[in-house]
């Protein structure tokens, strides 16, 4: 039995690629920790609601249902993302009315629950129909682009920007950039995935830019 393949798949990935993913995973954990810290402080969930449900269901499926091929060590990252996301989703049911516009306030819990179930079904069959890659990156970057773009829109829309954390902005950027570099090195032929990596990076950089610009004006 090749224990290297069980714990770290060095037959399919180079050490650099696994290290890049591991660094990215840690930055995303820090990102979630700061989102949770802000929830406790401001009673506000800063991850956009429209994509929080997609992010949560993706982490559940890839952490506990589907099997990524990097090995058990990096698989821990998927599970830890989901565990932290449980509190974020729970908090949205409590404080989500502060994020949605007034006409949707009476319905946000029902709509969010419907979105959770819908994303679970869509992502499940996306994988089952062989549209994803071995670590779920194809579907993850669709969701990540939505996260990045909706962060920008939410920042522009919100009057009270103090409920948003600059730390979550740059930790997401670095975490995603590390995983993007890993994907580019491992699947250079997947131009669709690479294009999503680049778009996501540009959106993250723009979010950091408008965040810093707004702070300097104030």
N, C-alpha and C. Protein backbone atom coordinates (compact mmCIF):
# COMPACT_ATOMS: atom_id res chain seq x y z
N UNK A 1 0.85 -1.20 0.00
CA UNK A 1 0.00 0.00 0.00
C UNK A 1 0.88 1.25 0.00
N UNK A 2 0.61 2.18 -0.91
CA UNK A 2 1.38 3.41 -1.00
C UNK A 2 0.75 4.48 -0.11
N UNK A 3 1.32 4.65 1.08
CA UNK A 3 0.74 5.60 2.02
C UNK A 3 0.83 7.03 1.54
N UNK A 4 1.79 7.32 0.64
CA UNK A 4 1.92 8.68 0.10
C UNK A 4 0.68 9.10 -0.66
N UNK A 5 0.08 8.15 -1.39
CA UNK A 5 -1.12 8.46 -2.17
C UNK A 5 -2.31 8.68 -1.23
N UNK A 6 -2.33 7.96 -0.09
CA UNK A 6 -3.43 8.10 0.84
C UNK A 6 -3.40 9.46 1.53
N UNK A 7 -2.22 9.87 2.01
CA UNK A 7 -2.13 11.11 2.78
C UNK A 7 -1.83 12.32 1.92
N UNK A 8 -0.90 12.20 0.98
CA UNK A 8 -0.59 13.27 0.04
C UNK A 8 -0.32 12.62 -1.32
N UNK A 9 -1.10 12.99 -2.30
CA UNK A 9 -1.00 12.35 -3.61
C UNK A 9 0.13 12.98 -4.43
N UNK A 10 1.35 12.46 -4.22
CA UNK A 10 2.53 12.98 -4.92
C UNK A 10 2.73 12.32 -6.27
N UNK A 11 1.84 11.40 -6.64
CA UNK A 11 1.88 10.82 -7.97
C UNK A 11 1.19 11.73 -8.99
N UNK A 12 0.16 12.43 -8.54
CA UNK A 12 -0.64 13.29 -9.44
C UNK A 12 -0.26 14.76 -9.31
N UNK A 13 0.22 15.16 -8.14
CA UNK A 13 0.58 16.56 -7.88
C UNK A 13 2.03 16.67 -7.46
N UNK A 14 2.66 17.80 -7.79
CA UNK A 14 4.01 18.07 -7.31
C UNK A 14 3.93 18.60 -5.88
N UNK A 15 5.03 18.53 -5.13
CA UNK A 15 5.02 19.11 -3.78
C UNK A 15 4.63 20.59 -3.79
N UNK A 16 5.11 21.35 -4.79
CA UNK A 16 4.78 22.77 -4.87
C UNK A 16 3.28 22.98 -5.02
N UNK A 17 2.65 22.18 -5.86
CA UNK A 17 1.21 22.32 -6.07
C UNK A 17 0.43 22.03 -4.79
N UNK A 18 0.83 21.02 -4.05
CA UNK A 18 0.15 20.70 -2.79
C UNK A 18 0.40 21.77 -1.74
N UNK A 19 1.61 22.32 -1.71
CA UNK A 19 1.93 23.39 -0.77
C UNK A 19 1.09 24.63 -1.07
N UNK A 20 0.98 24.98 -2.35
CA UNK A 20 0.18 26.15 -2.74
C UNK A 20 -1.28 25.98 -2.31
N UNK A 21 -1.81 24.79 -2.54
CA UNK A 21 -3.20 24.56 -2.12
C UNK A 21 -3.31 24.65 -0.60
N UNK A 22 -2.35 24.07 0.12
CA UNK A 22 -2.38 24.11 1.57
C UNK A 22 -2.34 25.53 2.11
N UNK A 23 -1.49 26.38 1.52
CA UNK A 23 -1.42 27.78 1.93
C UNK A 23 -2.75 28.48 1.67
N UNK A 24 -3.30 28.23 0.48
CA UNK A 24 -4.59 28.83 0.14
C UNK A 24 -5.69 28.40 1.09
N UNK A 25 -5.68 27.12 1.45
CA UNK A 25 -6.69 26.61 2.38
C UNK A 25 -6.59 27.29 3.75
N UNK A 26 -5.36 27.52 4.21
CA UNK A 26 -5.16 28.18 5.51
C UNK A 26 -5.68 29.61 5.47
N UNK A 27 -5.38 30.33 4.38
CA UNK A 27 -5.86 31.71 4.26
C UNK A 27 -7.39 31.77 4.23
N UNK A 28 -8.02 30.78 3.61
CA UNK A 28 -9.48 30.75 3.61
C UNK A 28 -10.03 30.46 5.00
N UNK A 29 -9.31 29.65 5.78
CA UNK A 29 -9.73 29.41 7.16
C UNK A 29 -9.64 30.70 7.98
N UNK A 30 -8.56 31.46 7.76
CA UNK A 30 -8.42 32.75 8.44
C UNK A 30 -9.54 33.69 8.00
N UNK A 31 -9.86 33.65 6.72
CA UNK A 31 -10.95 34.46 6.18
C UNK A 31 -12.26 34.16 6.90
N UNK A 32 -12.58 32.89 7.05
CA UNK A 32 -13.81 32.49 7.75
C UNK A 32 -13.78 32.92 9.21
N UNK A 33 -12.60 32.81 9.82
CA UNK A 33 -12.48 33.19 11.23
C UNK A 33 -12.79 34.67 11.41
N UNK A 34 -12.35 35.51 10.47
CA UNK A 34 -12.63 36.95 10.57
C UNK A 34 -14.08 37.26 10.24
N UNK A 35 -14.68 36.51 9.34
CA UNK A 35 -16.11 36.67 9.08
C UNK A 35 -16.89 36.38 10.36
N UNK A 36 -16.52 35.28 11.04
CA UNK A 36 -17.19 34.91 12.29
C UNK A 36 -16.95 35.98 13.36
N UNK A 37 -15.72 36.48 13.44
CA UNK A 37 -15.41 37.54 14.40
C UNK A 37 -16.29 38.76 14.17
N UNK A 38 -16.48 39.13 12.91
CA UNK A 38 -17.32 40.27 12.58
C UNK A 38 -18.79 40.01 12.85
N UNK A 39 -19.22 38.77 12.66
CA UNK A 39 -20.60 38.41 12.98
C UNK A 39 -20.86 38.65 14.47
N UNK A 40 -19.95 38.17 15.28
CA UNK A 40 -20.10 38.34 16.73
C UNK A 40 -20.06 39.82 17.12
N UNK A 41 -19.21 40.59 16.45
CA UNK A 41 -19.04 42.00 16.79
C UNK A 41 -20.18 42.86 16.27
N UNK A 42 -20.58 42.66 15.01
CA UNK A 42 -21.53 43.56 14.37
C UNK A 42 -22.92 42.96 14.17
N UNK A 43 -23.06 41.65 14.46
CA UNK A 43 -24.35 40.98 14.20
C UNK A 43 -24.74 41.13 12.73
N UNK A 44 -23.74 40.95 11.85
CA UNK A 44 -23.94 41.11 10.41
C UNK A 44 -23.10 40.07 9.69
N UNK A 45 -23.70 39.38 8.71
CA UNK A 45 -22.98 38.37 7.91
C UNK A 45 -22.50 39.04 6.64
N UNK A 46 -21.17 39.16 6.49
CA UNK A 46 -20.67 39.92 5.35
C UNK A 46 -20.51 39.11 4.07
N UNK A 47 -20.52 37.78 4.15
CA UNK A 47 -20.49 37.02 2.91
C UNK A 47 -21.86 37.18 2.23
N UNK A 48 -21.89 37.57 0.95
CA UNK A 48 -23.17 37.81 0.28
C UNK A 48 -24.10 36.59 0.33
N UNK A 49 -25.34 36.84 0.70
CA UNK A 49 -26.30 35.77 0.93
C UNK A 49 -26.54 34.93 -0.32
N UNK A 50 -26.56 35.58 -1.47
CA UNK A 50 -26.90 34.88 -2.71
C UNK A 50 -25.91 33.76 -3.04
N UNK A 51 -24.71 33.86 -2.50
CA UNK A 51 -23.70 32.85 -2.82
C UNK A 51 -23.24 32.08 -1.59
N UNK A 52 -23.61 32.54 -0.41
CA UNK A 52 -23.28 31.81 0.81
C UNK A 52 -23.85 30.39 0.77
N UNK A 53 -25.06 30.26 0.27
CA UNK A 53 -25.70 28.95 0.18
C UNK A 53 -24.95 28.02 -0.77
N UNK A 54 -24.44 28.56 -1.88
CA UNK A 54 -23.67 27.76 -2.83
C UNK A 54 -22.36 27.32 -2.22
N UNK A 55 -21.70 28.24 -1.54
CA UNK A 55 -20.42 27.95 -0.90
C UNK A 55 -20.57 26.86 0.15
N UNK A 56 -21.62 26.95 0.93
CA UNK A 56 -21.88 25.99 2.01
C UNK A 56 -22.14 24.59 1.47
N UNK A 57 -22.98 24.49 0.44
CA UNK A 57 -23.31 23.17 -0.10
C UNK A 57 -22.11 22.56 -0.82
N UNK A 58 -21.29 23.40 -1.48
CA UNK A 58 -20.08 22.89 -2.13
C UNK A 58 -19.15 22.27 -1.09
N UNK A 59 -18.96 22.95 0.03
CA UNK A 59 -18.07 22.45 1.07
C UNK A 59 -18.60 21.16 1.70
N UNK A 60 -19.90 21.06 1.84
CA UNK A 60 -20.49 19.83 2.36
C UNK A 60 -20.24 18.67 1.41
N UNK A 61 -20.51 18.88 0.13
CA UNK A 61 -20.37 17.80 -0.85
C UNK A 61 -18.92 17.36 -0.99
N UNK A 62 -18.00 18.33 -1.12
CA UNK A 62 -16.59 17.97 -1.33
C UNK A 62 -15.89 17.59 -0.03
N UNK A 63 -16.45 17.95 1.09
CA UNK A 63 -15.86 17.55 2.35
C UNK A 63 -16.30 16.17 2.81
N UNK A 64 -17.54 15.76 2.44
CA UNK A 64 -18.10 14.55 3.03
C UNK A 64 -18.76 13.60 2.04
N UNK A 65 -19.03 14.03 0.82
CA UNK A 65 -19.71 13.17 -0.14
C UNK A 65 -18.78 12.78 -1.29
N UNK A 66 -18.20 13.75 -1.96
CA UNK A 66 -17.28 13.49 -3.06
C UNK A 66 -15.87 13.29 -2.51
N UNK A 67 -15.01 12.67 -3.31
CA UNK A 67 -13.64 12.40 -2.88
C UNK A 67 -12.65 13.14 -3.76
N UNK A 68 -12.01 14.16 -3.21
CA UNK A 68 -10.93 14.83 -3.94
C UNK A 68 -9.69 13.93 -3.94
N UNK A 69 -8.76 14.15 -4.89
CA UNK A 69 -7.66 13.20 -5.04
C UNK A 69 -6.31 13.74 -4.57
N UNK A 70 -6.31 14.77 -3.72
CA UNK A 70 -5.04 15.30 -3.23
C UNK A 70 -4.52 14.53 -2.03
N UNK A 71 -5.38 13.78 -1.37
CA UNK A 71 -4.99 13.04 -0.19
C UNK A 71 -5.72 13.52 1.05
N UNK A 72 -5.64 12.71 2.11
CA UNK A 72 -6.40 12.98 3.33
C UNK A 72 -5.96 14.24 4.05
N UNK A 73 -4.69 14.58 3.95
CA UNK A 73 -4.18 15.76 4.68
C UNK A 73 -4.88 17.02 4.21
N UNK A 74 -4.91 17.25 2.90
CA UNK A 74 -5.55 18.46 2.38
C UNK A 74 -7.07 18.34 2.39
N UNK A 75 -7.55 17.11 2.47
CA UNK A 75 -8.99 16.93 2.60
C UNK A 75 -9.52 17.49 3.92
N UNK A 76 -8.63 17.60 4.91
CA UNK A 76 -9.03 18.19 6.19
C UNK A 76 -9.48 19.64 5.99
N UNK A 77 -8.81 20.34 5.05
CA UNK A 77 -9.18 21.72 4.78
C UNK A 77 -10.62 21.87 4.33
N UNK A 78 -11.07 20.97 3.46
CA UNK A 78 -12.46 20.99 2.99
C UNK A 78 -13.42 20.86 4.18
N UNK A 79 -13.10 19.94 5.08
CA UNK A 79 -13.98 19.69 6.22
C UNK A 79 -13.99 20.87 7.19
N UNK A 80 -12.82 21.47 7.42
CA UNK A 80 -12.75 22.62 8.33
C UNK A 80 -13.49 23.82 7.75
N UNK A 81 -13.41 24.02 6.43
CA UNK A 81 -14.19 25.10 5.79
C UNK A 81 -15.67 24.92 6.12
N UNK A 82 -16.15 23.69 5.94
CA UNK A 82 -17.57 23.42 6.18
C UNK A 82 -17.94 23.67 7.63
N UNK A 83 -17.09 23.20 8.56
CA UNK A 83 -17.39 23.36 9.99
C UNK A 83 -17.54 24.84 10.35
N UNK A 84 -16.62 25.68 9.87
CA UNK A 84 -16.70 27.11 10.15
C UNK A 84 -17.91 27.73 9.46
N UNK A 85 -18.22 27.23 8.28
CA UNK A 85 -19.34 27.78 7.52
C UNK A 85 -20.69 27.48 8.18
N UNK A 86 -20.75 26.45 9.00
CA UNK A 86 -22.00 26.14 9.71
C UNK A 86 -22.43 27.34 10.55
N UNK A 87 -21.49 27.93 11.27
CA UNK A 87 -21.82 29.08 12.12
C UNK A 87 -22.23 30.28 11.26
N UNK A 88 -21.57 30.46 10.11
CA UNK A 88 -21.88 31.58 9.23
C UNK A 88 -23.30 31.45 8.68
N UNK A 89 -23.66 30.25 8.24
CA UNK A 89 -25.01 30.01 7.72
C UNK A 89 -26.05 30.16 8.84
N UNK A 90 -25.76 29.61 9.99
CA UNK A 90 -26.66 29.77 11.15
C UNK A 90 -26.88 31.25 11.46
N UNK A 91 -25.80 32.02 11.40
CA UNK A 91 -25.89 33.45 11.69
C UNK A 91 -26.71 34.19 10.65
N UNK A 92 -26.67 33.70 9.42
CA UNK A 92 -27.48 34.37 8.40
C UNK A 92 -28.96 34.23 8.70
N UNK A 93 -29.36 33.08 9.22
CA UNK A 93 -30.76 32.92 9.60
C UNK A 93 -31.15 33.89 10.71
N UNK A 94 -30.18 34.29 11.54
CA UNK A 94 -30.45 35.23 12.63
C UNK A 94 -30.38 36.69 12.17
N UNK A 95 -29.38 37.01 11.36
CA UNK A 95 -29.10 38.41 11.03
C UNK A 95 -29.24 38.73 9.54
N UNK A 96 -29.72 37.80 8.76
CA UNK A 96 -29.79 38.01 7.32
C UNK A 96 -30.67 39.16 6.89
N UNK A 97 -31.60 39.56 7.75
CA UNK A 97 -32.48 40.67 7.41
C UNK A 97 -31.71 41.98 7.25
N UNK A 98 -30.49 42.06 7.84
CA UNK A 98 -29.68 43.27 7.72
C UNK A 98 -28.96 43.36 6.38
N UNK A 99 -28.90 42.22 5.68
CA UNK A 99 -28.19 42.20 4.40
C UNK A 99 -29.13 42.38 3.21
N UNK A 100 -30.35 41.87 3.31
CA UNK A 100 -31.27 41.91 2.18
C UNK A 100 -32.04 43.23 2.16
N UNK A 101 -32.57 43.57 1.01
CA UNK A 101 -33.36 44.79 0.89
C UNK A 101 -34.74 44.59 1.54
N UNK A 102 -35.37 45.70 1.86
CA UNK A 102 -36.59 45.68 2.68
C UNK A 102 -37.70 44.78 2.15
N UNK A 103 -38.00 44.77 0.85
CA UNK A 103 -39.11 43.91 0.38
C UNK A 103 -38.87 42.42 0.62
N UNK A 104 -37.60 42.01 0.76
CA UNK A 104 -37.29 40.59 0.91
C UNK A 104 -37.19 40.15 2.37
N UNK A 105 -37.22 41.09 3.29
CA UNK A 105 -37.02 40.75 4.71
C UNK A 105 -38.01 39.69 5.21
N UNK A 106 -39.29 39.77 4.88
CA UNK A 106 -40.21 38.73 5.40
C UNK A 106 -39.97 37.34 4.81
N UNK A 107 -39.21 37.27 3.71
CA UNK A 107 -39.08 36.01 2.97
C UNK A 107 -37.65 35.47 2.94
N UNK A 108 -36.68 36.17 3.54
CA UNK A 108 -35.28 35.81 3.30
C UNK A 108 -34.93 34.41 3.82
N UNK A 109 -35.53 33.98 4.91
CA UNK A 109 -35.22 32.65 5.45
C UNK A 109 -35.71 31.55 4.51
N UNK A 110 -36.92 31.71 4.00
CA UNK A 110 -37.47 30.71 3.08
C UNK A 110 -36.68 30.68 1.77
N UNK A 111 -36.35 31.86 1.25
CA UNK A 111 -35.59 31.93 0.01
C UNK A 111 -34.18 31.36 0.18
N UNK A 112 -33.56 31.64 1.32
CA UNK A 112 -32.23 31.11 1.57
C UNK A 112 -32.26 29.60 1.70
N UNK A 113 -33.26 29.07 2.37
CA UNK A 113 -33.40 27.62 2.50
C UNK A 113 -33.62 26.96 1.15
N UNK A 114 -34.45 27.58 0.31
CA UNK A 114 -34.67 27.06 -1.03
C UNK A 114 -33.37 27.06 -1.84
N UNK A 115 -32.59 28.13 -1.70
CA UNK A 115 -31.32 28.22 -2.42
C UNK A 115 -30.33 27.15 -1.96
N UNK A 116 -30.31 26.86 -0.66
CA UNK A 116 -29.44 25.80 -0.14
C UNK A 116 -29.75 24.46 -0.80
N UNK A 117 -31.03 24.12 -0.83
CA UNK A 117 -31.43 22.84 -1.42
C UNK A 117 -31.15 22.83 -2.92
N UNK A 118 -31.43 23.94 -3.58
CA UNK A 118 -31.23 24.02 -5.03
C UNK A 118 -29.76 23.86 -5.40
N UNK A 119 -28.88 24.56 -4.69
CA UNK A 119 -27.45 24.45 -4.97
C UNK A 119 -26.94 23.04 -4.67
N UNK A 120 -27.46 22.42 -3.64
CA UNK A 120 -27.05 21.06 -3.31
C UNK A 120 -27.36 20.12 -4.47
N UNK A 121 -28.54 20.24 -5.04
CA UNK A 121 -28.94 19.39 -6.17
C UNK A 121 -28.11 19.70 -7.41
N UNK A 122 -27.96 20.98 -7.72
CA UNK A 122 -27.22 21.39 -8.93
C UNK A 122 -25.76 20.93 -8.86
N UNK A 123 -25.10 21.18 -7.73
CA UNK A 123 -23.69 20.82 -7.59
C UNK A 123 -23.50 19.30 -7.57
N UNK A 124 -24.45 18.60 -6.99
CA UNK A 124 -24.36 17.13 -6.96
C UNK A 124 -24.35 16.57 -8.38
N UNK A 125 -25.28 17.04 -9.20
CA UNK A 125 -25.36 16.49 -10.56
C UNK A 125 -24.31 17.09 -11.49
N UNK A 126 -23.79 18.26 -11.16
CA UNK A 126 -22.66 18.82 -11.90
C UNK A 126 -21.48 17.87 -11.81
N UNK A 127 -21.25 17.35 -10.61
CA UNK A 127 -20.17 16.38 -10.41
C UNK A 127 -20.50 15.03 -11.04
N UNK A 128 -21.72 14.56 -10.81
CA UNK A 128 -22.10 13.24 -11.30
C UNK A 128 -22.08 13.16 -12.83
N UNK A 129 -22.25 14.28 -13.49
CA UNK A 129 -22.22 14.31 -14.95
C UNK A 129 -20.83 14.64 -15.49
N UNK A 130 -19.83 14.55 -14.60
CA UNK A 130 -18.41 14.68 -14.97
C UNK A 130 -18.04 16.06 -15.52
N UNK A 131 -18.66 17.11 -14.98
CA UNK A 131 -18.30 18.46 -15.39
C UNK A 131 -17.20 19.07 -14.52
N UNK A 132 -16.95 18.43 -13.37
CA UNK A 132 -15.97 19.00 -12.44
C UNK A 132 -14.61 18.34 -12.63
N UNK A 133 -13.58 18.91 -11.96
CA UNK A 133 -12.26 18.30 -12.01
C UNK A 133 -11.98 17.59 -10.69
N UNK A 134 -10.81 16.97 -10.51
CA UNK A 134 -10.59 16.11 -9.34
C UNK A 134 -10.64 16.78 -7.98
N UNK A 135 -10.60 18.11 -7.90
CA UNK A 135 -10.69 18.77 -6.60
C UNK A 135 -11.91 19.69 -6.50
N UNK A 136 -12.78 19.61 -7.51
CA UNK A 136 -13.98 20.44 -7.50
C UNK A 136 -13.74 21.88 -7.91
N UNK A 137 -12.61 22.14 -8.59
CA UNK A 137 -12.24 23.51 -8.91
C UNK A 137 -13.17 24.17 -9.92
N UNK A 138 -13.68 23.41 -10.89
CA UNK A 138 -14.56 24.01 -11.89
C UNK A 138 -15.78 24.66 -11.24
N UNK A 139 -16.46 23.91 -10.39
CA UNK A 139 -17.64 24.46 -9.71
C UNK A 139 -17.23 25.49 -8.66
N UNK A 140 -16.10 25.26 -7.99
CA UNK A 140 -15.66 26.20 -6.95
C UNK A 140 -15.40 27.59 -7.51
N UNK A 141 -14.84 27.66 -8.71
CA UNK A 141 -14.51 28.98 -9.27
C UNK A 141 -15.73 29.69 -9.84
N UNK A 142 -16.72 28.94 -10.27
CA UNK A 142 -18.00 29.57 -10.62
C UNK A 142 -18.55 30.28 -9.38
N UNK A 143 -18.53 29.55 -8.25
CA UNK A 143 -19.02 30.12 -7.00
C UNK A 143 -18.13 31.26 -6.53
N UNK A 144 -16.81 31.10 -6.69
CA UNK A 144 -15.87 32.11 -6.23
C UNK A 144 -16.02 33.43 -6.99
N UNK A 145 -16.28 33.34 -8.29
CA UNK A 145 -16.51 34.56 -9.06
C UNK A 145 -17.77 35.26 -8.58
N UNK A 146 -18.80 34.47 -8.26
CA UNK A 146 -20.02 35.06 -7.70
C UNK A 146 -19.72 35.74 -6.37
N UNK A 147 -18.94 35.07 -5.50
CA UNK A 147 -18.58 35.67 -4.21
C UNK A 147 -17.87 37.00 -4.42
N UNK A 148 -16.85 36.99 -5.29
CA UNK A 148 -16.04 38.19 -5.50
C UNK A 148 -16.85 39.34 -6.08
N UNK A 149 -17.68 39.04 -7.06
CA UNK A 149 -18.47 40.10 -7.70
C UNK A 149 -19.54 40.64 -6.76
N UNK A 150 -20.16 39.75 -5.97
CA UNK A 150 -21.21 40.20 -5.05
C UNK A 150 -20.63 40.96 -3.86
N UNK A 151 -19.40 40.64 -3.47
CA UNK A 151 -18.73 41.44 -2.44
C UNK A 151 -18.60 42.89 -2.91
N UNK A 152 -18.20 43.07 -4.16
CA UNK A 152 -18.06 44.42 -4.73
C UNK A 152 -19.40 45.14 -4.71
N UNK A 153 -20.44 44.47 -5.18
CA UNK A 153 -21.77 45.09 -5.23
C UNK A 153 -22.28 45.42 -3.83
N UNK A 154 -22.05 44.51 -2.88
CA UNK A 154 -22.52 44.76 -1.52
C UNK A 154 -21.77 45.93 -0.89
N UNK A 155 -20.47 46.02 -1.17
CA UNK A 155 -19.67 47.13 -0.63
C UNK A 155 -20.19 48.47 -1.16
N UNK A 156 -20.49 48.51 -2.44
CA UNK A 156 -21.00 49.75 -3.04
C UNK A 156 -22.38 50.10 -2.48
N UNK A 157 -23.19 49.08 -2.26
CA UNK A 157 -24.57 49.30 -1.81
C UNK A 157 -24.67 49.71 -0.35
N UNK A 158 -23.83 49.14 0.51
CA UNK A 158 -23.95 49.38 1.94
C UNK A 158 -23.51 50.79 2.32
N UNK A 159 -24.33 51.45 3.11
CA UNK A 159 -23.95 52.76 3.63
C UNK A 159 -22.96 52.62 4.78
N UNK A 160 -23.23 51.68 5.67
CA UNK A 160 -22.34 51.46 6.82
C UNK A 160 -21.31 50.39 6.46
N UNK A 161 -20.16 50.83 5.99
CA UNK A 161 -19.12 49.90 5.55
C UNK A 161 -18.27 49.39 6.71
N UNK A 162 -18.53 49.88 7.91
CA UNK A 162 -17.76 49.42 9.06
C UNK A 162 -18.07 47.97 9.42
N UNK A 163 -19.19 47.43 8.90
CA UNK A 163 -19.54 46.04 9.19
C UNK A 163 -18.74 45.07 8.32
N UNK A 164 -17.99 45.60 7.36
CA UNK A 164 -17.17 44.78 6.49
C UNK A 164 -15.72 44.82 6.96
N UNK A 165 -15.00 43.73 6.79
CA UNK A 165 -13.63 43.61 7.27
C UNK A 165 -12.64 43.63 6.12
N UNK A 166 -11.64 44.51 6.22
CA UNK A 166 -10.59 44.53 5.21
C UNK A 166 -9.77 43.25 5.25
N UNK A 167 -9.66 42.64 6.44
CA UNK A 167 -8.91 41.39 6.56
C UNK A 167 -9.54 40.28 5.74
N UNK A 168 -10.88 40.23 5.73
CA UNK A 168 -11.53 39.21 4.92
C UNK A 168 -11.30 39.46 3.43
N UNK A 169 -11.13 40.71 3.06
CA UNK A 169 -10.88 41.04 1.65
C UNK A 169 -9.52 40.50 1.20
N UNK A 170 -8.46 40.80 1.97
CA UNK A 170 -7.13 40.39 1.49
C UNK A 170 -6.84 38.92 1.76
N UNK A 171 -7.43 38.33 2.80
CA UNK A 171 -7.21 36.89 3.02
C UNK A 171 -7.90 36.07 1.94
N UNK A 172 -9.08 36.51 1.51
CA UNK A 172 -9.74 35.82 0.39
C UNK A 172 -8.90 35.92 -0.87
N UNK A 173 -8.38 37.12 -1.12
CA UNK A 173 -7.57 37.35 -2.32
C UNK A 173 -6.35 36.44 -2.34
N UNK A 174 -5.60 36.41 -1.24
CA UNK A 174 -4.39 35.60 -1.19
C UNK A 174 -4.72 34.11 -1.22
N UNK A 175 -5.72 33.71 -0.44
CA UNK A 175 -6.10 32.31 -0.40
C UNK A 175 -6.51 31.79 -1.77
N UNK A 176 -7.36 32.55 -2.45
CA UNK A 176 -7.81 32.14 -3.78
C UNK A 176 -6.67 32.19 -4.78
N UNK A 177 -5.79 33.20 -4.68
CA UNK A 177 -4.66 33.32 -5.60
C UNK A 177 -3.72 32.13 -5.49
N UNK A 178 -3.47 31.65 -4.28
CA UNK A 178 -2.60 30.49 -4.09
C UNK A 178 -3.20 29.24 -4.74
N UNK A 179 -4.49 29.04 -4.52
CA UNK A 179 -5.17 27.88 -5.12
C UNK A 179 -5.25 28.04 -6.64
N UNK A 180 -5.44 29.27 -7.11
CA UNK A 180 -5.46 29.53 -8.55
C UNK A 180 -4.13 29.17 -9.19
N UNK A 181 -3.04 29.57 -8.53
CA UNK A 181 -1.71 29.25 -9.07
C UNK A 181 -1.50 27.75 -9.12
N UNK A 182 -1.97 27.06 -8.10
CA UNK A 182 -1.90 25.60 -8.10
C UNK A 182 -2.65 25.01 -9.29
N UNK A 183 -3.86 25.52 -9.55
CA UNK A 183 -4.67 25.03 -10.67
C UNK A 183 -4.01 25.31 -12.01
N UNK A 184 -3.42 26.49 -12.14
CA UNK A 184 -2.76 26.86 -13.40
C UNK A 184 -1.57 25.95 -13.66
N UNK A 185 -0.81 25.63 -12.61
CA UNK A 185 0.35 24.75 -12.76
C UNK A 185 -0.06 23.32 -13.06
N UNK A 186 -1.16 22.86 -12.45
CA UNK A 186 -1.56 21.46 -12.61
C UNK A 186 -2.38 21.22 -13.87
N UNK A 187 -3.25 22.18 -14.23
CA UNK A 187 -4.13 21.98 -15.40
C UNK A 187 -3.98 23.14 -16.39
N UNK A 188 -2.79 23.33 -16.96
CA UNK A 188 -2.58 24.44 -17.90
C UNK A 188 -3.43 24.33 -19.17
N UNK A 189 -3.92 23.14 -19.45
CA UNK A 189 -4.76 22.94 -20.64
C UNK A 189 -6.20 23.35 -20.41
N UNK A 190 -6.59 23.53 -19.16
CA UNK A 190 -7.98 23.88 -18.82
C UNK A 190 -8.11 25.41 -18.86
N UNK A 191 -8.22 25.94 -20.07
CA UNK A 191 -8.26 27.39 -20.24
C UNK A 191 -9.52 28.01 -19.63
N UNK A 192 -10.60 27.24 -19.56
CA UNK A 192 -11.83 27.74 -18.93
C UNK A 192 -11.59 28.00 -17.45
N UNK A 193 -10.94 27.04 -16.78
CA UNK A 193 -10.63 27.19 -15.37
C UNK A 193 -9.64 28.33 -15.15
N UNK A 194 -8.62 28.41 -15.99
CA UNK A 194 -7.62 29.47 -15.86
C UNK A 194 -8.25 30.84 -16.03
N UNK A 195 -9.16 30.97 -16.98
CA UNK A 195 -9.82 32.26 -17.19
C UNK A 195 -10.63 32.66 -15.96
N UNK A 196 -11.27 31.69 -15.31
CA UNK A 196 -12.02 32.00 -14.09
C UNK A 196 -11.09 32.39 -12.96
N UNK A 197 -9.94 31.73 -12.88
CA UNK A 197 -8.94 32.10 -11.87
C UNK A 197 -8.51 33.55 -12.03
N UNK A 198 -8.27 33.96 -13.27
CA UNK A 198 -7.81 35.32 -13.54
C UNK A 198 -8.91 36.35 -13.26
N UNK A 199 -10.13 36.04 -13.68
CA UNK A 199 -11.25 36.96 -13.42
C UNK A 199 -11.47 37.12 -11.92
N UNK A 200 -11.40 36.01 -11.20
CA UNK A 200 -11.60 36.06 -9.75
C UNK A 200 -10.51 36.91 -9.09
N UNK A 201 -9.27 36.76 -9.54
CA UNK A 201 -8.17 37.54 -8.98
C UNK A 201 -8.37 39.03 -9.23
N UNK A 202 -8.79 39.39 -10.43
CA UNK A 202 -9.01 40.80 -10.76
C UNK A 202 -10.14 41.38 -9.92
N UNK A 203 -11.21 40.62 -9.72
CA UNK A 203 -12.32 41.08 -8.88
C UNK A 203 -11.87 41.28 -7.43
N UNK A 204 -11.05 40.35 -6.94
CA UNK A 204 -10.56 40.46 -5.57
C UNK A 204 -9.65 41.68 -5.40
N UNK A 205 -8.80 41.93 -6.39
CA UNK A 205 -7.93 43.10 -6.35
C UNK A 205 -8.77 44.39 -6.39
N UNK A 206 -9.80 44.39 -7.22
CA UNK A 206 -10.66 45.57 -7.31
C UNK A 206 -11.38 45.82 -6.00
N UNK A 207 -11.82 44.75 -5.34
CA UNK A 207 -12.50 44.90 -4.05
C UNK A 207 -11.56 45.51 -3.01
N UNK A 208 -10.33 45.04 -2.99
CA UNK A 208 -9.33 45.62 -2.08
C UNK A 208 -9.11 47.09 -2.40
N UNK A 209 -9.06 47.42 -3.69
CA UNK A 209 -8.82 48.80 -4.13
C UNK A 209 -9.95 49.73 -3.68
N UNK A 210 -11.21 49.34 -3.91
CA UNK A 210 -12.31 50.24 -3.54
C UNK A 210 -12.46 50.30 -2.02
N UNK A 211 -12.08 49.22 -1.34
CA UNK A 211 -12.12 49.21 0.13
C UNK A 211 -11.13 50.23 0.67
N UNK A 212 -9.89 50.18 0.17
CA UNK A 212 -8.85 51.11 0.63
C UNK A 212 -9.18 52.55 0.24
N UNK A 213 -9.75 52.72 -0.96
CA UNK A 213 -10.11 54.05 -1.43
C UNK A 213 -11.17 54.66 -0.54
N UNK A 214 -12.19 53.86 -0.18
CA UNK A 214 -13.27 54.36 0.68
C UNK A 214 -12.74 54.72 2.06
N UNK A 215 -11.81 53.93 2.58
CA UNK A 215 -11.24 54.20 3.89
C UNK A 215 -10.41 55.47 3.88
N UNK A 216 -9.68 55.72 2.78
CA UNK A 216 -8.86 56.92 2.69
C UNK A 216 -9.69 58.18 2.57
N UNK A 217 -10.86 58.05 1.92
CA UNK A 217 -11.78 59.20 1.79
C UNK A 217 -12.36 59.54 3.15
N UNK A 218 -12.71 58.51 3.91
CA UNK A 218 -13.30 58.73 5.23
C UNK A 218 -12.24 59.13 6.26
